[in-house]
C-alpha atoms as a PDB file:
ATOM      1  CA  MET A   1     -39.761  56.507 -74.731  1.00  0.00           C
ATOM      2  CA  ARG A   2     -38.248  58.221 -71.753  1.00  0.00           C
ATOM      3  CA  ILE A   3     -35.771  55.544 -70.143  1.00  0.00           C
ATOM      4  CA  SER A   4     -36.789  55.586 -66.259  1.00  0.00           C
ATOM      5  CA  PHE A   5     -34.767  57.632 -63.702  1.00  0.00           C
ATOM      6  CA  ASP A   6     -35.810  55.291 -60.961  1.00  0.00           C
ATOM      7  CA  GLU A   7     -33.861  52.646 -63.678  1.00  0.00           C
ATOM      8  CA  VAL A   8     -31.151  54.121 -63.962  1.00  0.00           C
ATOM      9  CA  ARG A   9     -30.520  55.016 -60.205  1.00  0.00           C
ATOM     10  CA  ASN A  10     -30.490  51.874 -59.467  1.00  0.00           C
ATOM     11  CA  ASN A  11     -28.716  50.753 -61.972  1.00  0.00           C
ATOM     12  CA  LYS A  12     -25.599  52.689 -60.179  1.00  0.00           C
ATOM     13  CA  ILE A  13     -26.727  51.412 -56.790  1.00  0.00           C
ATOM     14  CA  ARG A  14     -26.034  48.061 -57.856  1.00  0.00           C
ATOM     15  CA  SER A  15     -23.095  49.180 -59.828  1.00  0.00           C
ATOM     16  CA  TYR A  16     -20.998  50.758 -56.390  1.00  0.00           C
ATOM     17  CA  PHE A  17     -22.213  47.675 -54.701  1.00  0.00           C
ATOM     18  CA  LEU A  18     -20.222  45.477 -56.826  1.00  0.00           C
ATOM     19  CA  ILE A  19     -17.406  47.327 -57.809  1.00  0.00           C
ATOM     20  CA  SER A  20     -17.717  47.173 -53.271  1.00  0.00           C
ATOM     21  CA  PHE A  21     -18.008  43.231 -53.894  1.00  0.00           C
ATOM     22  CA  PHE A  22     -14.423  42.573 -55.359  1.00  0.00           C
ATOM     23  CA  ILE A  23     -12.302  45.277 -53.346  1.00  0.00           C
ATOM     24  CA  VAL A  24     -13.892  43.179 -50.576  1.00  0.00           C
ATOM     25  CA  MET A  25     -12.148  39.591 -52.376  1.00  0.00           C
ATOM     26  CA  ILE A  26      -8.870  41.537 -53.510  1.00  0.00           C
ATOM     27  CA  GLY A  27      -8.954  42.254 -49.370  1.00  0.00           C
ATOM     28  CA  ILE A  28     -10.103  38.620 -48.429  1.00  0.00           C
ATOM     29  CA  LEU A  29      -7.789  36.785 -50.427  1.00  0.00           C
ATOM     30  CA  GLY A  30      -4.428  38.971 -49.555  1.00  0.00           C
ATOM     31  CA  ALA A  31      -5.861  38.108 -45.962  1.00  0.00           C
ATOM     32  CA  VAL A  32      -5.250  34.303 -47.295  1.00  0.00           C
ATOM     33  CA  PHE A  33      -2.247  34.985 -48.163  1.00  0.00           C
ATOM     34  CA  GLY A  34      -0.576  36.855 -45.074  1.00  0.00           C
ATOM     35  CA  LEU A  35      -1.998  34.831 -42.585  1.00  0.00           C
ATOM     36  CA  TYR A  36      -0.417  31.902 -44.788  1.00  0.00           C
ATOM     37  CA  PHE A  37       2.782  33.384 -44.195  1.00  0.00           C
ATOM     38  CA  GLY A  38       1.061  34.115 -40.196  1.00  0.00           C
ATOM     39  CA  ASN A  39       1.104  37.939 -40.378  1.00  0.00           C
ATOM     40  CA  VAL A  40      -2.489  38.835 -42.246  1.00  0.00           C
ATOM     41  CA  TRP A  41      -1.722  42.581 -42.299  1.00  0.00           C
ATOM     42  CA  PHE A  42       1.461  42.244 -44.366  1.00  0.00           C
ATOM     43  CA  GLY A  43      -1.553  40.537 -46.697  1.00  0.00           C
ATOM     44  CA  VAL A  44      -3.410  42.042 -47.158  1.00  0.00           C
ATOM     45  CA  ILE A  45      -1.397  45.783 -47.776  1.00  0.00           C
ATOM     46  CA  PHE A  46       0.842  43.590 -50.333  1.00  0.00           C
ATOM     47  CA  SER A  47      -2.940  43.064 -51.614  1.00  0.00           C
ATOM     48  CA  VAL A  48      -3.940  46.648 -52.327  1.00  0.00           C
ATOM     49  CA  ILE A  49       0.145  47.639 -53.580  1.00  0.00           C
ATOM     50  CA  ILE A  50       0.064  45.265 -56.256  1.00  0.00           C
ATOM     51  CA  GLY A  51      -3.859  45.650 -57.073  1.00  0.00           C
ATOM     52  CA  ILE A  52      -2.999  49.925 -57.474  1.00  0.00           C
ATOM     53  CA  ILE A  53      -0.444  50.151 -59.469  1.00  0.00           C
ATOM     54  CA  TYR A  54      -1.728  46.943 -61.835  1.00  0.00           C
ATOM     55  CA  SER A  55      -4.667  49.167 -62.040  1.00  0.00           C
ATOM     56  CA  LEU A  56      -3.286  52.099 -62.498  1.00  0.00           C
ATOM     57  CA  ILE A  57      -1.076  51.028 -65.561  1.00  0.00           C
ATOM     58  CA  VAL A  58      -3.808  49.252 -67.607  1.00  0.00           C
ATOM     59  CA  PHE A  59      -6.552  51.907 -66.247  1.00  0.00           C
ATOM     60  CA  ASN A  60      -4.266  55.237 -68.344  1.00  0.00           C
ATOM     61  CA  SER A  61      -3.941  52.726 -71.403  1.00  0.00           C
ATOM     62  CA  GLY A  62      -6.362  50.429 -71.577  1.00  0.00           C
ATOM     63  CA  ASP A  63      -8.397  51.863 -74.424  1.00  0.00           C
ATOM     64  CA  SER A  64      -5.277  51.461 -76.407  1.00  0.00           C
ATOM     65  CA  MET A  65      -3.894  48.056 -75.727  1.00  0.00           C
ATOM     66  CA  ILE A  66      -7.898  47.510 -76.848  1.00  0.00           C
ATOM     67  CA  LEU A  67      -7.763  49.124 -79.915  1.00  0.00           C
ATOM     68  CA  SER A  68      -4.050  47.485 -80.363  1.00  0.00           C
ATOM     69  CA  MET A  69      -5.790  44.325 -79.372  1.00  0.00           C
ATOM     70  CA  SER A  70      -8.157  44.804 -81.998  1.00  0.00           C
ATOM     71  CA  GLY A  71      -6.741  45.149 -85.248  1.00  0.00           C
ATOM     72  CA  ALA A  72      -8.267  49.609 -85.406  1.00  0.00           C
ATOM     73  CA  ARG A  73      -6.979  52.003 -87.155  1.00  0.00           C
ATOM     74  CA  PRO A  74      -7.343  55.537 -87.151  1.00  0.00           C
ATOM     75  CA  VAL A  75      -9.568  57.152 -90.448  1.00  0.00           C
ATOM     76  CA  THR A  76     -10.084  60.243 -91.892  1.00  0.00           C
ATOM     77  CA  LYS A  77     -12.873  62.150 -93.232  1.00  0.00           C
ATOM     78  CA  LYS A  78     -12.008  61.780 -96.721  1.00  0.00           C
ATOM     79  CA  GLU A  79     -11.964  57.679 -96.745  1.00  0.00           C
ATOM     80  CA  PHE A  80     -15.579  57.072 -94.600  1.00  0.00           C
ATOM     81  CA  PRO A  81     -17.507  60.317 -94.609  1.00  0.00           C
ATOM     82  CA  HIS A  82     -20.430  58.917 -93.990  1.00  0.00           C
ATOM     83  CA  LEU A  83     -19.017  57.367 -90.215  1.00  0.00           C
ATOM     84  CA  PHE A  84     -17.497  60.704 -89.396  1.00  0.00           C
ATOM     85  CA  HIS A  85     -21.246  62.786 -90.395  1.00  0.00           C
ATOM     86  CA  THR A  86     -22.597  60.909 -88.609  1.00  0.00           C
ATOM     87  CA  ILE A  87     -20.596  60.420 -85.349  1.00  0.00           C
ATOM     88  CA  GLU A  88     -21.535  64.076 -85.198  1.00  0.00           C
ATOM     89  CA  GLY A  89     -24.714  65.053 -85.443  1.00  0.00           C
ATOM     90  CA  LEU A  90     -24.813  62.688 -82.786  1.00  0.00           C
ATOM     91  CA  SER A  91     -22.493  64.004 -81.092  1.00  0.00           C
ATOM     92  CA  ILE A  92     -24.203  66.922 -80.520  1.00  0.00           C
ATOM     93  CA  ALA A  93     -27.242  65.786 -80.249  1.00  0.00           C
ATOM     94  CA  ALA A  94     -25.532  63.354 -77.130  1.00  0.00           C
ATOM     95  CA  GLY A  95     -24.297  65.959 -75.931  1.00  0.00           C
ATOM     96  CA  ILE A  96     -20.919  64.812 -75.224  1.00  0.00           C
ATOM     97  CA  PRO A  97     -17.134  65.588 -77.361  1.00  0.00           C
ATOM     98  CA  VAL A  98     -16.449  64.204 -80.661  1.00  0.00           C
ATOM     99  CA  PRO A  99     -15.464  61.051 -80.178  1.00  0.00           C
ATOM    100  CA  LYS A 100     -11.916  59.666 -81.975  1.00  0.00           C
ATOM    101  CA  ALA A 101     -13.792  57.751 -85.219  1.00  0.00           C
ATOM    102  CA  TYR A 102     -11.614  53.459 -85.747  1.00  0.00           C
ATOM    103  CA  VAL A 103     -12.731  51.063 -87.707  1.00  0.00           C
ATOM    104  CA  ILE A 104     -11.173  47.351 -88.279  1.00  0.00           C
ATOM    105  CA  ASP A 105     -10.246  45.422 -91.726  1.00  0.00           C
ATOM    106  CA  ASP A 106     -12.944  42.744 -90.914  1.00  0.00           C
ATOM    107  CA  THR A 107     -15.840  42.423 -92.677  1.00  0.00           C
ATOM    108  CA  ALA A 108     -18.142  40.993 -89.873  1.00  0.00           C
ATOM    109  CA  LEU A 109     -20.748  43.157 -88.840  1.00  0.00           C
ATOM    110  CA  ASN A 110     -19.416  45.107 -85.374  1.00  0.00           C
ATOM    111  CA  ALA A 111     -18.764  47.896 -83.493  1.00  0.00           C
ATOM    112  CA  PHE A 112     -17.902  48.622 -80.071  1.00  0.00           C
ATOM    113  CA  ALA A 113     -16.177  52.549 -78.129  1.00  0.00           C
ATOM    114  CA  THR A 114     -13.895  52.225 -75.528  1.00  0.00           C
ATOM    115  CA  GLY A 115     -11.653  54.910 -73.694  1.00  0.00           C
ATOM    116  CA  LYS A 116     -11.613  56.575 -70.193  1.00  0.00           C
ATOM    117  CA  ASN A 117     -14.078  59.275 -70.593  1.00  0.00           C
ATOM    118  CA  PRO A 118     -15.787  60.794 -72.937  1.00  0.00           C
ATOM    119  CA  GLU A 119     -13.821  63.375 -73.853  1.00  0.00           C
ATOM    120  CA  THR A 120     -10.582  60.679 -74.659  1.00  0.00           C
ATOM    121  CA  ALA A 121     -13.938  58.192 -76.342  1.00  0.00           C
ATOM    122  CA  SER A 122     -13.286  56.095 -79.278  1.00  0.00           C
ATOM    123  CA  ILE A 123     -16.658  54.190 -81.810  1.00  0.00           C
ATOM    124  CA  CYS A 124     -14.638  51.566 -83.781  1.00  0.00           C
ATOM    125  CA  VAL A 125     -16.449  49.553 -86.641  1.00  0.00           C
ATOM    126  CA  THR A 126     -16.313  46.689 -88.900  1.00  0.00           C
ATOM    127  CA  THR A 127     -15.597  47.532 -92.404  1.00  0.00           C
ATOM    128  CA  GLY A 128     -18.216  44.353 -92.987  1.00  0.00           C
ATOM    129  CA  LEU A 129     -20.861  47.111 -90.842  1.00  0.00           C
ATOM    130  CA  LEU A 130     -20.095  49.902 -93.177  1.00  0.00           C
ATOM    131  CA  LYS A 131     -20.465  47.958 -96.445  1.00  0.00           C
ATOM    132  CA  THR A 132     -23.590  46.604 -95.108  1.00  0.00           C
ATOM    133  CA  MET A 133     -25.864  48.987 -93.363  1.00  0.00           C
ATOM    134  CA  ASN A 134     -27.910  51.838 -94.865  1.00  0.00           C
ATOM    135  CA  ARG A 135     -28.061  55.445 -93.088  1.00  0.00           C
ATOM    136  CA  GLN A 136     -30.053  54.811 -90.766  1.00  0.00           C
ATOM    137  CA  GLU A 137     -29.176  51.468 -89.807  1.00  0.00           C
ATOM    138  CA  LEU A 138     -25.274  53.086 -88.776  1.00  0.00           C
ATOM    139  CA  GLU A 139     -26.927  55.750 -86.672  1.00  0.00           C
ATOM    140  CA  GLY A 140     -28.388  52.940 -84.518  1.00  0.00           C
ATOM    141  CA  VAL A 141     -24.994  50.888 -84.401  1.00  0.00           C
ATOM    142  CA  VAL A 142     -23.195  54.471 -83.252  1.00  0.00           C
ATOM    143  CA  ALA A 143     -25.781  55.265 -80.288  1.00  0.00           C
ATOM    144  CA  HIS A 144     -25.489  52.953 -78.753  1.00  0.00           C
ATOM    145  CA  GLU A 145     -22.163  52.533 -79.132  1.00  0.00           C
ATOM    146  CA  MET A 146     -22.622  56.699 -77.537  1.00  0.00           C
ATOM    147  CA  SER A 147     -25.115  55.817 -75.758  1.00  0.00           C
ATOM    148  CA  HIS A 148     -22.524  53.315 -73.186  1.00  0.00           C
ATOM    149  CA  ILE A 149     -19.786  56.526 -73.706  1.00  0.00           C
ATOM    150  CA  LYS A 150     -21.987  59.668 -72.452  1.00  0.00           C
ATOM    151  CA  ASN A 151     -23.446  56.861 -69.363  1.00  0.00           C
ATOM    152  CA  TYR A 152     -20.083  56.471 -68.218  1.00  0.00           C
ATOM    153  CA  ASP A 153     -19.948  52.864 -69.012  1.00  0.00           C
ATOM    154  CA  ILE A 154     -17.228  52.830 -71.258  1.00  0.00           C
ATOM    155  CA  ARG A 155     -14.747  53.748 -67.670  1.00  0.00           C
ATOM    156  CA  PHE A 156     -16.916  51.467 -65.455  1.00  0.00           C
ATOM    157  CA  MET A 157     -16.541  48.731 -67.560  1.00  0.00           C
ATOM    158  CA  MET A 158     -12.348  49.060 -68.175  1.00  0.00           C
ATOM    159  CA  LEU A 159     -13.347  49.368 -64.261  1.00  0.00           C
ATOM    160  CA  THR A 160     -14.579  46.131 -63.955  1.00  0.00           C
ATOM    161  CA  VAL A 161     -11.962  43.890 -66.700  1.00  0.00           C
ATOM    162  CA  VAL A 162      -9.966  46.291 -63.980  1.00  0.00           C
ATOM    163  CA  LEU A 163     -10.266  44.525 -61.067  1.00  0.00           C
ATOM    164  CA  VAL A 164     -11.268  40.877 -61.730  1.00  0.00           C
ATOM    165  CA  GLY A 165      -7.601  41.144 -63.350  1.00  0.00           C
ATOM    166  CA  VAL A 166      -6.481  41.600 -60.136  1.00  0.00           C
ATOM    167  CA  VAL A 167      -8.338  39.118 -58.698  1.00  0.00           C
ATOM    168  CA  THR A 168      -7.549  36.556 -61.354  1.00  0.00           C
ATOM    169  CA  LEU A 169      -3.675  37.760 -60.287  1.00  0.00           C
ATOM    170  CA  LEU A 170      -3.509  37.875 -56.934  1.00  0.00           C
ATOM    171  CA  SER A 171      -5.622  34.583 -56.842  1.00  0.00           C
ATOM    172  CA  ASP A 172      -3.605  32.065 -59.567  1.00  0.00           C
ATOM    173  CA  PHE A 173      -0.672  34.029 -57.210  1.00  0.00           C
ATOM    174  CA  LEU A 174      -2.037  33.095 -53.866  1.00  0.00           C
ATOM    175  CA  LEU A 175      -2.620  29.004 -55.701  1.00  0.00           C
ATOM    176  CA  ARG A 176       1.049  28.404 -56.653  1.00  0.00           C
ATOM    177  CA  THR A 177       2.205  29.948 -53.043  1.00  0.00           C
ATOM    178  CA  PHE A 178       0.156  27.385 -51.788  1.00  0.00           C
ATOM    179  CA  LEU A 179       1.589  24.510 -53.950  1.00  0.00           C
ATOM    180  CA  TRP A 180       5.261  25.703 -54.367  1.00  0.00           C
ATOM    181  CA  GLY A 181       5.768  27.813 -52.335  1.00  0.00           C
ATOM    182  CA  GLY A 182       6.431  24.883 -48.910  1.00  0.00           C
ATOM    183  CA  LYS A 183       4.258  25.290 -45.750  1.00  0.00           C
ATOM    184  CA  GLY A 184       4.667  28.801 -44.948  1.00  0.00           C
ATOM    185  CA  GLY A 185       5.057  31.362 -41.777  1.00  0.00           C
ATOM    186  CA  GLY A 186       1.586  30.954 -40.643  1.00  0.00           C
ATOM    187  CA  ASP A 187       1.861  26.993 -39.399  1.00  0.00           C
ATOM    188  CA  ASN A 188       3.257  26.046 -36.361  1.00  0.00           C
ATOM    189  CA  ASP A 189       2.114  23.509 -33.634  1.00  0.00           C
ATOM    190  CA  LYS A 190      -0.394  26.217 -31.594  1.00  0.00           C
ATOM    191  CA  GLY A 191      -2.196  27.039 -34.062  1.00  0.00           C
ATOM    192  CA  GLY A 192      -1.449  25.188 -36.572  1.00  0.00           C
ATOM    193  CA  SER A 193      -5.270  23.580 -37.473  1.00  0.00           C
ATOM    194  CA  PHE A 194      -7.371  26.328 -37.944  1.00  0.00           C
ATOM    195  CA  ALA A 195      -3.887  27.450 -40.585  1.00  0.00           C
ATOM    196  CA  LEU A 196      -4.100  24.343 -42.514  1.00  0.00           C
ATOM    197  CA  ILE A 197      -8.495  25.132 -42.149  1.00  0.00           C
ATOM    198  CA  ALA A 198      -7.920  28.827 -43.173  1.00  0.00           C
ATOM    199  CA  ILE A 199      -4.890  27.514 -46.066  1.00  0.00           C
ATOM    200  CA  GLY A 200      -8.377  25.046 -46.648  1.00  0.00           C
ATOM    201  CA  ILE A 201     -11.083  27.647 -47.008  1.00  0.00           C
ATOM    202  CA  GLY A 202      -8.599  29.890 -49.173  1.00  0.00           C
ATOM    203  CA  LEU A 203      -7.496  27.457 -51.785  1.00  0.00           C
ATOM    204  CA  LEU A 204     -10.811  26.795 -52.463  1.00  0.00           C
ATOM    205  CA  PHE A 205     -11.517  30.602 -52.795  1.00  0.00           C
ATOM    206  CA  ALA A 206      -8.319  31.399 -55.524  1.00  0.00           C
ATOM    207  CA  ILE A 207     -10.093  29.067 -57.583  1.00  0.00           C
ATOM    208  CA  LEU A 208     -13.595  30.003 -57.354  1.00  0.00           C
ATOM    209  CA  SER A 209     -12.883  34.190 -56.898  1.00  0.00           C
ATOM    210  CA  PRO A 210     -11.520  34.112 -60.840  1.00  0.00           C
ATOM    211  CA  ILE A 211     -14.721  32.872 -61.517  1.00  0.00           C
ATOM    212  CA  ILE A 212     -16.824  34.671 -59.870  1.00  0.00           C
ATOM    213  CA  GLY A 213     -15.900  37.462 -61.200  1.00  0.00           C
ATOM    214  CA  GLU A 214     -16.013  36.874 -64.618  1.00  0.00           C
ATOM    215  CA  LEU A 215     -19.870  36.330 -64.386  1.00  0.00           C
ATOM    216  CA  ILE A 216     -19.926  39.418 -62.439  1.00  0.00           C
ATOM    217  CA  LYS A 217     -18.756  41.632 -65.033  1.00  0.00           C
ATOM    218  CA  LEU A 218     -20.863  39.215 -68.108  1.00  0.00           C
ATOM    219  CA  ALA A 219     -24.150  40.108 -65.654  1.00  0.00           C
ATOM    220  CA  ILE A 220     -23.144  43.517 -65.728  1.00  0.00           C
ATOM    221  CA  SER A 221     -22.092  43.785 -69.713  1.00  0.00           C
ATOM    222  CA  ARG A 222     -25.560  41.917 -70.422  1.00  0.00           C
ATOM    223  CA  LYS A 223     -27.548  44.634 -68.155  1.00  0.00           C
ATOM    224  CA  ARG A 224     -25.595  47.544 -69.635  1.00  0.00           C
ATOM    225  CA  GLU A 225     -27.017  46.218 -72.946  1.00  0.00           C
ATOM    226  CA  PHE A 226     -29.800  46.937 -73.083  1.00  0.00           C
ATOM    227  CA  MET A 227     -29.502  50.834 -70.892  1.00  0.00           C
ATOM    228  CA  ALA A 228     -27.528  51.149 -74.008  1.00  0.00           C
ATOM    229  CA  ASP A 229     -30.391  50.311 -76.479  1.00  0.00           C
ATOM    230  CA  ALA A 230     -32.772  52.416 -75.150  1.00  0.00           C
ATOM    231  CA  GLU A 231     -30.457  54.906 -74.852  1.00  0.00           C
ATOM    232  CA  ALA A 232     -29.498  54.360 -78.359  1.00  0.00           C
ATOM    233  CA  VAL A 233     -33.006  54.636 -79.208  1.00  0.00           C
ATOM    234  CA  THR A 234     -34.512  58.573 -77.761  1.00  0.00           C
ATOM    235  CA  LEU A 235     -30.512  59.198 -79.326  1.00  0.00           C
ATOM    236  CA  THR A 236     -32.206  58.440 -82.400  1.00  0.00           C
ATOM    237  CA  ARG A 237     -36.432  58.984 -82.483  1.00  0.00           C
ATOM    238  CA  TYR A 238     -36.137  55.772 -84.592  1.00  0.00           C
ATOM    239  CA  PRO A 239     -36.509  52.520 -83.018  1.00  0.00           C
ATOM    240  CA  ALA A 240     -36.652  50.683 -86.407  1.00  0.00           C
ATOM    241  CA  GLY A 241     -32.989  51.997 -87.407  1.00  0.00           C
ATOM    242  CA  LEU A 242     -31.056  49.924 -84.376  1.00  0.00           C
ATOM    243  CA  ALA A 243     -33.860  47.025 -84.807  1.00  0.00           C
ATOM    244  CA  GLY A 244     -33.073  46.767 -88.095  1.00  0.00           C
ATOM    245  CA  ALA A 245     -29.056  46.659 -87.716  1.00  0.00           C
ATOM    246  CA  LEU A 246     -29.145  43.953 -84.942  1.00  0.00           C
ATOM    247  CA  LYS A 247     -31.213  41.370 -86.821  1.00  0.00           C
ATOM    248  CA  LYS A 248     -28.427  41.946 -90.093  1.00  0.00           C
ATOM    249  CA  ILE A 249     -26.033  41.862 -87.188  1.00  0.00           C
ATOM    250  CA  SER A 250     -27.786  38.283 -85.378  1.00  0.00           C
ATOM    251  CA  LYS A 251     -28.175  37.078 -89.355  1.00  0.00           C
ATOM    252  CA  ASP A 252     -24.355  37.534 -90.101  1.00  0.00           C
ATOM    253  CA  PRO A 253     -23.380  34.304 -91.057  1.00  0.00           C
ATOM    254  CA  ASP A 254     -19.351  35.540 -90.180  1.00  0.00           C
ATOM    255  CA  PRO A 255     -19.792  36.498 -87.243  1.00  0.00           C
ATOM    256  CA  LEU A 256     -16.766  35.898 -85.772  1.00  0.00           C
ATOM    257  CA  VAL A 257     -13.702  38.747 -85.369  1.00  0.00           C
ATOM    258  CA  ASP A 258     -10.815  37.747 -86.686  1.00  0.00           C
ATOM    259  CA  LYS A 259      -9.081  39.591 -83.365  1.00  0.00           C
ATOM    260  CA  ALA A 260     -11.175  39.684 -80.658  1.00  0.00           C
ATOM    261  CA  ASN A 261     -10.544  37.458 -77.237  1.00  0.00           C
ATOM    262  CA  LYS A 262     -12.704  37.208 -73.737  1.00  0.00           C
ATOM    263  CA  ALA A 263     -10.451  40.663 -73.287  1.00  0.00           C
ATOM    264  CA  THR A 264     -12.644  43.066 -75.864  1.00  0.00           C
ATOM    265  CA  ALA A 265     -16.116  40.394 -76.491  1.00  0.00           C
ATOM    266  CA  HIS A 266     -18.029  42.025 -73.465  1.00  0.00           C
ATOM    267  CA  LEU A 267     -17.641  45.506 -75.811  1.00  0.00           C
ATOM    268  CA  PHE A 268     -19.020  44.526 -79.281  1.00  0.00           C
ATOM    269  CA  ILE A 269     -21.937  45.318 -80.180  1.00  0.00           C
ATOM    270  CA  SER A 270     -22.831  41.865 -80.417  1.00  0.00           C
ATOM    271  CA  THR A 271     -20.783  38.615 -78.947  1.00  0.00           C
ATOM    272  CA  PRO A 272     -17.947  39.169 -81.397  1.00  0.00           C
ATOM    273  CA  PHE A 273     -17.709  34.995 -81.277  1.00  0.00           C
ATOM    274  CA  ARG A 274     -19.569  32.035 -83.375  1.00  0.00           C
ATOM    275  CA  ALA A 275     -22.345  31.484 -81.440  1.00  0.00           C
ATOM    276  CA  ASP A 276     -22.595  28.850 -78.406  1.00  0.00           C
ATOM    277  CA  LYS A 277     -25.726  26.466 -77.256  1.00  0.00           C
ATOM    278  CA  GLY A 278     -26.801  25.260 -74.004  1.00  0.00           C
ATOM    279  CA  PHE A 279     -26.302  26.702 -70.493  1.00  0.00           C
ATOM    280  CA  VAL A 280     -22.665  27.027 -69.649  1.00  0.00           C
ATOM    281  CA  ALA A 281     -22.686  29.251 -73.446  1.00  0.00           C
ATOM    282  CA  ASN A 282     -25.255  30.715 -71.911  1.00  0.00           C
ATOM    283  CA  LEU A 283     -23.791  31.408 -68.678  1.00  0.00           C
ATOM    284  CA  PHE A 284     -21.126  32.805 -70.008  1.00  0.00           C
ATOM    285  CA  SER A 285     -22.152  35.334 -72.550  1.00  0.00           C
ATOM    286  CA  THR A 286     -21.054  38.874 -72.845  1.00  0.00           C
ATOM    287  CA  HIS A 287     -23.845  39.751 -74.517  1.00  0.00           C
ATOM    288  CA  PRO A 288     -28.124  39.447 -74.276  1.00  0.00           C
ATOM    289  CA  PRO A 289     -29.882  37.551 -77.033  1.00  0.00           C
ATOM    290  CA  ILE A 290     -30.004  39.078 -79.167  1.00  0.00           C
ATOM    291  CA  LYS A 291     -33.809  38.411 -80.338  1.00  0.00           C
ATOM    292  CA  GLU A 292     -35.134  39.401 -77.022  1.00  0.00           C
ATOM    293  CA  ARG A 293     -33.130  42.913 -77.955  1.00  0.00           C
ATOM    294  CA  ILE A 294     -34.764  43.216 -80.819  1.00  0.00           C
ATOM    295  CA  LYS A 295     -37.938  42.664 -79.988  1.00  0.00           C
ATOM    296  CA  ARG A 296     -37.459  45.232 -76.581  1.00  0.00           C
ATOM    297  CA  ILE A 297     -36.446  47.481 -78.987  1.00  0.00           C
ATOM    298  CA  GLU A 298     -38.944  46.852 -80.710  1.00  0.00           C
ATOM    299  CA  ASP A 299     -41.933  47.768 -78.101  1.00  0.00           C
ATOM    300  CA  MET A 300     -40.593  50.988 -77.207  1.00  0.00           C
END
């Protein structure tokens, strides 16, 4: 099975479009903030500076923060030789440096990859997954995470998380300014009505933009899970391995990863929370339906 190069190219185009959309959202929030104080450019420059500082801090330390928040610990080849051999073998097949190996001491069946690039990447699996999967199934899971690394999904998703964080940070700051900051410098007799209308629109945008940003992040995450599944099959040449792993994961009686949270959930191979049903739950899901993923793999 070969991945469609057109699909990969279209995925990249959509990715650049979405990043541009985030940047526009940040610019609008900054402009509204500046308008409130009577100087649009002040607001835009302020938001850009805050965004750059926040992005540099989170982007450069994000992978270590994620591993720490998840309770992951580095492991040796002596402790988990099969995990090491699987990672080493698949990294050769993928043509990338060997990622660092981590485990989470948890009975849930799950795994994720993180890092800024293939040179700094790590693959983390739960001890529950290591105990449950056979060799082919573990290879399928590791190949899925290896695909995220090879395709630079780990960098893109970290960047997306950073941009959502910037939008949320600026939105929260803007809301607090509107609620507690008084009238602002942009409210005068000549332009007061316009300023009030603009501030009203800005207030609405400040409320909605974090929700829009989160939905975009989740849409990107779901799309890339399908792509990583397909790429994993090209690495292992054995679709039944990943399909079997996903079937076991779907039947996990306790899928909750104790230290997972909303900031890291999209990184895992399957949602690390207990299943919720309903339209809203599906809308905010970090992953596509696992049954659909299995069907696509088995159809390859």
